[in-house]
Amino acid sequence: MDRIDRLRVDALTATGTAAAHLRAAESTLDDTVARALHWGASWTQIGDALGVTRQSAHRRYRHIRWDPDTQTSWTEPPLPL
C-alpha cells in the first residue's frame, strides 16, 4: 500500500468514526430536548439553548416525547391530515 492509499484509508476510517460520534451526539441531543420539553421548557428556551430560533427548534423537535419512568425518548409520527 502506497502513501496515498494509506492516507485515503485513514481518512475514510476517520470519516466513519466521526459519523458514529455524530449519530451518538444527535441521539443525546434528541433525549435532552425531549426531557426539557417534558419538564415544561418553552420553544424559546430550547431554541436559545440550541442557538437557533424557536421556530427552528419546534420544526425539528415537535414530535419528540420523553418518558421519565423508562428514561427514553421517541418520535411520534405526525397526525394524518
PDB file of N, CA and C in Angstrom:
ATOM      1  N   MET A   1       0.859  -1.175   0.000  1.00  0.00           N
ATOM      2  CA  MET A   1       0.000   0.000   0.000  1.00  0.00           C
ATOM      3  C   MET A   1       0.905   1.238   0.000  1.00  0.00           C
ATOM      4  N   ASP A   2       0.674   2.101  -0.950  1.00  0.00           N
ATOM      5  CA  ASP A   2       1.499   3.312  -1.010  1.00  0.00           C
ATOM      6  C   ASP A   2       0.922   4.393  -0.084  1.00  0.00           C
ATOM      7  N   ARG A   3       1.608   5.501  -0.040  1.00  0.00           N
ATOM      8  CA  ARG A   3       1.260   6.589   0.886  1.00  0.00           C
ATOM      9  C   ARG A   3      -0.148   7.133   0.629  1.00  0.00           C
ATOM     10  N   ILE A   4      -0.505   7.322  -0.611  1.00  0.00           N
ATOM     11  CA  ILE A   4      -1.824   7.868  -0.969  1.00  0.00           C
ATOM     12  C   ILE A   4      -2.932   6.905  -0.529  1.00  0.00           C
ATOM     13  N   ASP A   5      -2.725   5.612  -0.777  1.00  0.00           N
ATOM     14  CA  ASP A   5      -3.725   4.628  -0.342  1.00  0.00           C
ATOM     15  C   ASP A   5      -3.883   4.648   1.178  1.00  0.00           C
ATOM     16  N   ARG A   6      -2.789   4.734   1.897  1.00  0.00           N
ATOM     17  CA  ARG A   6      -2.829   4.755   3.354  1.00  0.00           C
ATOM     18  C   ARG A   6      -3.567   6.005   3.850  1.00  0.00           C
ATOM     19  N   LEU A   7      -3.276   7.146   3.235  1.00  0.00           N
ATOM     20  CA  LEU A   7      -3.960   8.387   3.617  1.00  0.00           C
ATOM     21  C   LEU A   7      -5.458   8.303   3.325  1.00  0.00           C
ATOM     22  N   ARG A   8      -5.819   7.686   2.200  1.00  0.00           N
ATOM     23  CA  ARG A   8      -7.232   7.527   1.844  1.00  0.00           C
ATOM     24  C   ARG A   8      -7.934   6.635   2.866  1.00  0.00           C
ATOM     25  N   VAL A   9      -7.311   5.517   3.217  1.00  0.00           N
ATOM     26  CA  VAL A   9      -7.899   4.606   4.196  1.00  0.00           C
ATOM     27  C   VAL A   9      -8.025   5.298   5.550  1.00  0.00           C
ATOM     28  N   ASP A  10      -7.009   6.026   5.949  1.00  0.00           N
ATOM     29  CA  ASP A  10      -7.062   6.765   7.220  1.00  0.00           C
ATOM     30  C   ASP A  10      -8.201   7.782   7.219  1.00  0.00           C
ATOM     31  N   ALA A  11      -8.356   8.490   6.097  1.00  0.00           N
ATOM     32  CA  ALA A  11      -9.418   9.495   6.000  1.00  0.00           C
ATOM     33  C   ALA A  11     -10.796   8.845   6.042  1.00  0.00           C
ATOM     34  N   LEU A  12     -10.956   7.706   5.368  1.00  0.00           N
ATOM     35  CA  LEU A  12     -12.244   7.014   5.385  1.00  0.00           C
ATOM     36  C   LEU A  12     -12.549   6.443   6.764  1.00  0.00           C
ATOM     37  N   THR A  13     -11.542   5.937   7.437  1.00  0.00           N
ATOM     38  CA  THR A  13     -11.733   5.435   8.793  1.00  0.00           C
ATOM     39  C   THR A  13     -12.146   6.574   9.725  1.00  0.00           C
ATOM     40  N   ALA A  14     -11.479   7.707   9.610  1.00  0.00           N
ATOM     41  CA  ALA A  14     -11.818   8.870  10.430  1.00  0.00           C
ATOM     42  C   ALA A  14     -13.227   9.362  10.116  1.00  0.00           C
ATOM     43  N   THR A  15     -13.637   9.284   8.855  1.00  0.00           N
ATOM     44  CA  THR A  15     -14.983   9.688   8.460  1.00  0.00           C
ATOM     45  C   THR A  15     -16.031   8.797   9.114  1.00  0.00           C
ATOM     46  N   GLY A  16     -15.803   7.503   9.091  1.00  0.00           N
ATOM     47  CA  GLY A  16     -16.724   6.569   9.737  1.00  0.00           C
ATOM     48  C   GLY A  16     -16.819   6.807  11.232  1.00  0.00           C
ATOM     49  N   THR A  17     -15.695   7.057  11.866  1.00  0.00           N
ATOM     50  CA  THR A  17     -15.673   7.336  13.304  1.00  0.00           C
ATOM     51  C   THR A  17     -16.416   8.625  13.613  1.00  0.00           C
ATOM     52  N   ALA A  18     -16.173   9.660  12.818  1.00  0.00           N
ATOM     53  CA  ALA A  18     -16.859  10.939  13.031  1.00  0.00           C
ATOM     54  C   ALA A  18     -18.362  10.792  12.838  1.00  0.00           C
ATOM     55  N   ALA A  19     -18.786  10.013  11.856  1.00  0.00           N
ATOM     56  CA  ALA A  19     -20.218   9.797  11.621  1.00  0.00           C
ATOM     57  C   ALA A  19     -20.857   9.078  12.809  1.00  0.00           C
ATOM     58  N   ALA A  20     -20.164   8.106  13.383  1.00  0.00           N
ATOM     59  CA  ALA A  20     -20.688   7.399  14.559  1.00  0.00           C
ATOM     60  C   ALA A  20     -20.818   8.353  15.744  1.00  0.00           C
ATOM     61  N   HIS A  21     -19.824   9.225  15.927  1.00  0.00           N
ATOM     62  CA  HIS A  21     -19.890  10.220  17.004  1.00  0.00           C
ATOM     63  C   HIS A  21     -21.045  11.189  16.773  1.00  0.00           C
ATOM     64  N   LEU A  22     -21.255  11.579  15.522  1.00  0.00           N
ATOM     65  CA  LEU A  22     -22.347  12.494  15.196  1.00  0.00           C
ATOM     66  C   LEU A  22     -23.701  11.860  15.504  1.00  0.00           C
ATOM     67  N   ARG A  23     -23.884  10.598  15.128  1.00  0.00           N
ATOM     68  CA  ARG A  23     -25.150   9.910  15.423  1.00  0.00           C
ATOM     69  C   ARG A  23     -25.385   9.825  16.930  1.00  0.00           C
ATOM     70  N   ALA A  24     -24.339   9.530  17.680  1.00  0.00           N
ATOM     71  CA  ALA A  24     -24.471   9.453  19.141  1.00  0.00           C
ATOM     72  C   ALA A  24     -24.826  10.822  19.726  1.00  0.00           C
ATOM     73  N   ALA A  25     -24.182  11.875  19.227  1.00  0.00           N
ATOM     74  CA  ALA A  25     -24.464  13.225  19.717  1.00  0.00           C
ATOM     75  C   ALA A  25     -25.893  13.640  19.372  1.00  0.00           C
ATOM     76  N   GLU A  26     -26.366  13.302  18.177  1.00  0.00           N
ATOM     77  CA  GLU A  26     -27.739  13.635  17.789  1.00  0.00           C
ATOM     78  C   GLU A  26     -28.744  12.894  18.662  1.00  0.00           C
ATOM     79  N   SER A  27     -28.464  11.656  18.991  1.00  0.00           N
ATOM     80  CA  SER A  27     -29.342  10.894  19.870  1.00  0.00           C
ATOM     81  C   SER A  27     -29.393  11.523  21.264  1.00  0.00           C
ATOM     82  N   THR A  28     -28.241  11.922  21.776  1.00  0.00           N
ATOM     83  CA  THR A  28     -28.183  12.584  23.076  1.00  0.00           C
ATOM     84  C   THR A  28     -28.941  13.903  23.040  1.00  0.00           C
ATOM     85  N   LEU A  29     -28.781  14.654  21.960  1.00  0.00           N
ATOM     86  CA  LEU A  29     -29.488  15.927  21.816  1.00  0.00           C
ATOM     87  C   LEU A  29     -30.999  15.708  21.770  1.00  0.00           C
ATOM     88  N   ASP A  30     -31.445  14.704  21.029  1.00  0.00           N
ATOM     89  CA  ASP A  30     -32.876  14.387  20.996  1.00  0.00           C
ATOM     90  C   ASP A  30     -33.392  14.091  22.406  1.00  0.00           C
ATOM     91  N   ASP A  31     -32.636  13.301  23.164  1.00  0.00           N
ATOM     92  CA  ASP A  31     -33.052  12.953  24.526  1.00  0.00           C
ATOM     93  C   ASP A  31     -33.137  14.191  25.420  1.00  0.00           C
ATOM     94  N   THR A  32     -32.145  15.053  25.331  1.00  0.00           N
ATOM     95  CA  THR A  32     -32.141  16.220  26.216  1.00  0.00           C
ATOM     96  C   THR A  32     -33.241  17.211  25.854  1.00  0.00           C
ATOM     97  N   VAL A  33     -33.499  17.384  24.566  1.00  0.00           N
ATOM     98  CA  VAL A  33     -34.602  18.268  24.159  1.00  0.00           C
ATOM     99  C   VAL A  33     -35.935  17.671  24.609  1.00  0.00           C
ATOM    100  N   ALA A  34     -36.102  16.370  24.446  1.00  0.00           N
ATOM    101  CA  ALA A  34     -37.345  15.717  24.872  1.00  0.00           C
ATOM    102  C   ALA A  34     -37.549  15.878  26.371  1.00  0.00           C
ATOM    103  N   ARG A  35     -36.484  15.739  27.149  1.00  0.00           N
ATOM    104  CA  ARG A  35     -36.586  15.926  28.597  1.00  0.00           C
ATOM    105  C   ARG A  35     -36.965  17.360  28.934  1.00  0.00           C
ATOM    106  N   ALA A  36     -36.328  18.313  28.262  1.00  0.00           N
ATOM    107  CA  ALA A  36     -36.640  19.722  28.525  1.00  0.00           C
ATOM    108  C   ALA A  36     -38.104  20.018  28.208  1.00  0.00           C
ATOM    109  N   LEU A  37     -38.589  19.486  27.086  1.00  0.00           N
ATOM    110  CA  LEU A  37     -39.998  19.687  26.741  1.00  0.00           C
ATOM    111  C   LEU A  37     -40.911  19.052  27.775  1.00  0.00           C
ATOM    112  N   HIS A  38     -40.583  17.849  28.180  1.00  0.00           N
ATOM    113  CA  HIS A  38     -41.413  17.146  29.163  1.00  0.00           C
ATOM    114  C   HIS A  38     -41.527  17.938  30.462  1.00  0.00           C
ATOM    115  N   TRP A  39     -40.439  18.554  30.870  1.00  0.00           N
ATOM    116  CA  TRP A  39     -40.430  19.283  32.134  1.00  0.00           C
ATOM    117  C   TRP A  39     -40.832  20.740  31.978  1.00  0.00           C
ATOM    118  N   GLY A  40     -41.388  21.113  30.817  1.00  0.00           N
ATOM    119  CA  GLY A  40     -42.026  22.412  30.686  1.00  0.00           C
ATOM    120  C   GLY A  40     -41.224  23.527  30.051  1.00  0.00           C
ATOM    121  N   ALA A  41     -40.093  23.224  29.444  1.00  0.00           N
ATOM    122  CA  ALA A  41     -39.323  24.276  28.775  1.00  0.00           C
ATOM    123  C   ALA A  41     -40.098  24.795  27.566  1.00  0.00           C
ATOM    124  N   SER A  42     -39.955  26.076  27.300  1.00  0.00           N
ATOM    125  CA  SER A  42     -40.627  26.671  26.140  1.00  0.00           C
ATOM    126  C   SER A  42     -39.758  26.475  24.897  1.00  0.00           C
ATOM    127  N   TRP A  43     -40.390  26.645  23.746  1.00  0.00           N
ATOM    128  CA  TRP A  43     -39.630  26.543  22.493  1.00  0.00           C
ATOM    129  C   TRP A  43     -38.587  27.640  22.414  1.00  0.00           C
ATOM    130  N   THR A  44     -38.880  28.800  22.979  1.00  0.00           N
ATOM    131  CA  THR A  44     -37.896  29.887  23.005  1.00  0.00           C
ATOM    132  C   THR A  44     -36.680  29.480  23.823  1.00  0.00           C
ATOM    133  N   GLN A  45     -36.905  28.890  24.985  1.00  0.00           N
ATOM    134  CA  GLN A  45     -35.789  28.449  25.828  1.00  0.00           C
ATOM    135  C   GLN A  45     -34.964  27.357  25.145  1.00  0.00           C
ATOM    136  N   ILE A  46     -35.647  26.429  24.505  1.00  0.00           N
ATOM    137  CA  ILE A  46     -34.935  25.359  23.801  1.00  0.00           C
ATOM    138  C   ILE A  46     -34.158  25.932  22.625  1.00  0.00           C
ATOM    139  N   GLY A  47     -34.780  26.807  21.863  1.00  0.00           N
ATOM    140  CA  GLY A  47     -34.084  27.447  20.746  1.00  0.00           C
ATOM    141  C   GLY A  47     -32.855  28.208  21.201  1.00  0.00           C
ATOM    142  N   ASP A  48     -32.989  28.947  22.308  1.00  0.00           N
ATOM    143  CA  ASP A  48     -31.838  29.679  22.851  1.00  0.00           C
ATOM    144  C   ASP A  48     -30.708  28.727  23.234  1.00  0.00           C
ATOM    145  N   ALA A  49     -31.054  27.606  23.878  1.00  0.00           N
ATOM    146  CA  ALA A  49     -30.036  26.639  24.288  1.00  0.00           C
ATOM    147  C   ALA A  49     -29.336  26.012  23.083  1.00  0.00           C
ATOM    148  N   LEU A  50     -30.086  25.841  21.987  1.00  0.00           N
ATOM    149  CA  LEU A  50     -29.531  25.243  20.772  1.00  0.00           C
ATOM    150  C   LEU A  50     -28.840  26.260  19.866  1.00  0.00           C
ATOM    151  N   GLY A  51     -29.099  27.536  20.120  1.00  0.00           N
ATOM    152  CA  GLY A  51     -28.532  28.565  19.257  1.00  0.00           C
ATOM    153  C   GLY A  51     -29.280  28.724  17.947  1.00  0.00           C
ATOM    154  N   VAL A  52     -30.599  28.401  17.990  1.00  0.00           N
ATOM    155  CA  VAL A  52     -31.453  28.540  16.805  1.00  0.00           C
ATOM    156  C   VAL A  52     -32.720  29.278  17.222  1.00  0.00           C
ATOM    157  N   THR A  53     -33.559  29.598  16.268  1.00  0.00           N
ATOM    158  CA  THR A  53     -34.827  30.251  16.590  1.00  0.00           C
ATOM    159  C   THR A  53     -35.787  29.238  17.212  1.00  0.00           C
ATOM    160  N   ARG A  54     -36.798  29.764  17.880  1.00  0.00           N
ATOM    161  CA  ARG A  54     -37.801  28.873  18.461  1.00  0.00           C
ATOM    162  C   ARG A  54     -38.541  28.103  17.368  1.00  0.00           C
ATOM    163  N   GLN A  55     -38.722  28.768  16.218  1.00  0.00           N
ATOM    164  CA  GLN A  55     -39.404  28.109  15.110  1.00  0.00           C
ATOM    165  C   GLN A  55     -38.579  26.923  14.589  1.00  0.00           C
ATOM    166  N   SER A  56     -37.272  27.105  14.478  1.00  0.00           N
ATOM    167  CA  SER A  56     -36.408  26.016  14.006  1.00  0.00           C
ATOM    168  C   SER A  56     -36.409  24.857  14.997  1.00  0.00           C
ATOM    169  N   ALA A  57     -36.346  25.182  16.286  1.00  0.00           N
ATOM    170  CA  ALA A  57     -36.380  24.141  17.308  1.00  0.00           C
ATOM    171  C   ALA A  57     -37.702  23.378  17.245  1.00  0.00           C
ATOM    172  N   HIS A  58     -38.796  24.110  17.122  1.00  0.00           N
ATOM    173  CA  HIS A  58     -40.108  23.473  17.046  1.00  0.00           C
ATOM    174  C   HIS A  58     -40.219  22.578  15.819  1.00  0.00           C
ATOM    175  N   ARG A  59     -39.774  23.077  14.677  1.00  0.00           N
ATOM    176  CA  ARG A  59     -39.863  22.321  13.434  1.00  0.00           C
ATOM    177  C   ARG A  59     -39.104  20.993  13.542  1.00  0.00           C
ATOM    178  N   ARG A  60     -37.943  21.030  14.183  1.00  0.00           N
ATOM    179  CA  ARG A  60     -37.115  19.822  14.249  1.00  0.00           C
ATOM    180  C   ARG A  60     -37.565  18.851  15.346  1.00  0.00           C
ATOM    181  N   TYR A  61     -38.025  19.374  16.487  1.00  0.00           N
ATOM    182  CA  TYR A  61     -38.257  18.516  17.650  1.00  0.00           C
ATOM    183  C   TYR A  61     -39.710  18.400  18.080  1.00  0.00           C
ATOM    184  N   ARG A  62     -40.643  18.909  17.303  1.00  0.00           N
ATOM    185  CA  ARG A  62     -42.035  18.959  17.752  1.00  0.00           C
ATOM    186  C   ARG A  62     -42.662  17.583  17.986  1.00  0.00           C
ATOM    187  N   HIS A  63     -42.137  16.531  17.375  1.00  0.00           N
ATOM    188  CA  HIS A  63     -42.735  15.204  17.519  1.00  0.00           C
ATOM    189  C   HIS A  63     -42.022  14.330  18.548  1.00  0.00           C
ATOM    190  N   ILE A  64     -41.030  14.874  19.227  1.00  0.00           N
ATOM    191  CA  ILE A  64     -40.257  14.058  20.160  1.00  0.00           C
ATOM    192  C   ILE A  64     -40.910  14.079  21.543  1.00  0.00           C
ATOM    193  N   ARG A  65     -40.912  12.920  22.182  1.00  0.00           N
ATOM    194  CA  ARG A  65     -41.531  12.777  23.507  1.00  0.00           C
ATOM    195  C   ARG A  65     -40.549  12.098  24.460  1.00  0.00           C
ATOM    196  N   TRP A  66     -40.799  12.247  25.767  1.00  0.00           N
ATOM    197  CA  TRP A  66     -39.923  11.695  26.811  1.00  0.00           C
ATOM    198  C   TRP A  66     -40.763  10.960  27.845  1.00  0.00           C
ATOM    199  N   ASP A  67     -40.313   9.792  28.258  1.00  0.00           N
ATOM    200  CA  ASP A  67     -40.965   9.053  29.333  1.00  0.00           C
ATOM    201  C   ASP A  67     -40.023   9.012  30.528  1.00  0.00           C
ATOM    202  N   PRO A  68     -40.353   9.734  31.606  1.00  0.00           N
ATOM    203  CA  PRO A  68     -39.455   9.768  32.764  1.00  0.00           C
ATOM    204  C   PRO A  68     -39.353   8.422  33.480  1.00  0.00           C
ATOM    205  N   ASP A  69     -40.357   7.573  33.346  1.00  0.00           N
ATOM    206  CA  ASP A  69     -40.317   6.269  34.011  1.00  0.00           C
ATOM    207  C   ASP A  69     -39.271   5.342  33.380  1.00  0.00           C
ATOM    208  N   THR A  70     -39.198   5.367  32.055  1.00  0.00           N
ATOM    209  CA  THR A  70     -38.249   4.489  31.359  1.00  0.00           C
ATOM    210  C   THR A  70     -36.982   5.222  30.933  1.00  0.00           C
ATOM    211  N   GLN A  71     -36.981   6.559  31.103  1.00  0.00           N
ATOM    212  CA  GLN A  71     -35.828   7.389  30.701  1.00  0.00           C
ATOM    213  C   GLN A  71     -35.521   7.245  29.211  1.00  0.00           C
ATOM    214  N   THR A  72     -36.570   7.160  28.404  1.00  0.00           N
ATOM    215  CA  THR A  72     -36.388   7.024  26.957  1.00  0.00           C
ATOM    216  C   THR A  72     -37.162   8.109  26.226  1.00  0.00           C
ATOM    217  N   SER A  73     -36.682   8.404  25.040  1.00  0.00           N
ATOM    218  CA  SER A  73     -37.404   9.336  24.168  1.00  0.00           C
ATOM    219  C   SER A  73     -37.791   8.596  22.900  1.00  0.00           C
ATOM    220  N   TRP A  74     -38.790   9.116  22.228  1.00  0.00           N
ATOM    221  CA  TRP A  74     -39.235   8.544  20.967  1.00  0.00           C
ATOM    222  C   TRP A  74     -39.842   9.655  20.149  1.00  0.00           C
ATOM    223  N   THR A  75     -40.037   9.367  18.882  1.00  0.00           N
ATOM    224  CA  THR A  75     -40.640  10.329  17.961  1.00  0.00           C
ATOM    225  C   THR A  75     -42.028   9.821  17.576  1.00  0.00           C
ATOM    226  N   GLU A  76     -43.015  10.647  17.832  1.00  0.00           N
ATOM    227  CA  GLU A  76     -44.372  10.310  17.425  1.00  0.00           C
ATOM    228  C   GLU A  76     -44.577  10.730  15.986  1.00  0.00           C
ATOM    229  N   PRO A  77     -45.190   9.886  15.199  1.00  0.00           N
ATOM    230  CA  PRO A  77     -45.457  10.297  13.814  1.00  0.00           C
ATOM    231  C   PRO A  77     -46.492  11.418  13.791  1.00  0.00           C
ATOM    232  N   PRO A  78     -46.410  12.288  12.804  1.00  0.00           N
ATOM    233  CA  PRO A  78     -47.413  13.354  12.710  1.00  0.00           C
ATOM    234  C   PRO A  78     -48.798  12.779  12.454  1.00  0.00           C
ATOM    235  N   LEU A  79     -49.799  13.502  12.905  1.00  0.00           N
ATOM    236  CA  LEU A  79     -51.165  13.072  12.672  1.00  0.00           C
ATOM    237  C   LEU A  79     -51.504  13.220  11.194  1.00  0.00           C
ATOM    238  N   PRO A  80     -52.333  12.310  10.666  1.00  0.00           N
ATOM    239  CA  PRO A  80     -52.724  12.436   9.254  1.00  0.00           C
ATOM    240  C   PRO A  80     -53.560  13.678   9.032  1.00  0.00           C
ATOM    241  N   LEU A  81     -53.470  14.232   7.857  1.00  0.00           N
ATOM    242  CA  LEU A  81     -54.243  15.432   7.511  1.00  0.00           C
ATOM    243  C   LEU A  81     -55.649  15.092   7.118  1.00  0.00           C
TER     244      LEU A  81
END
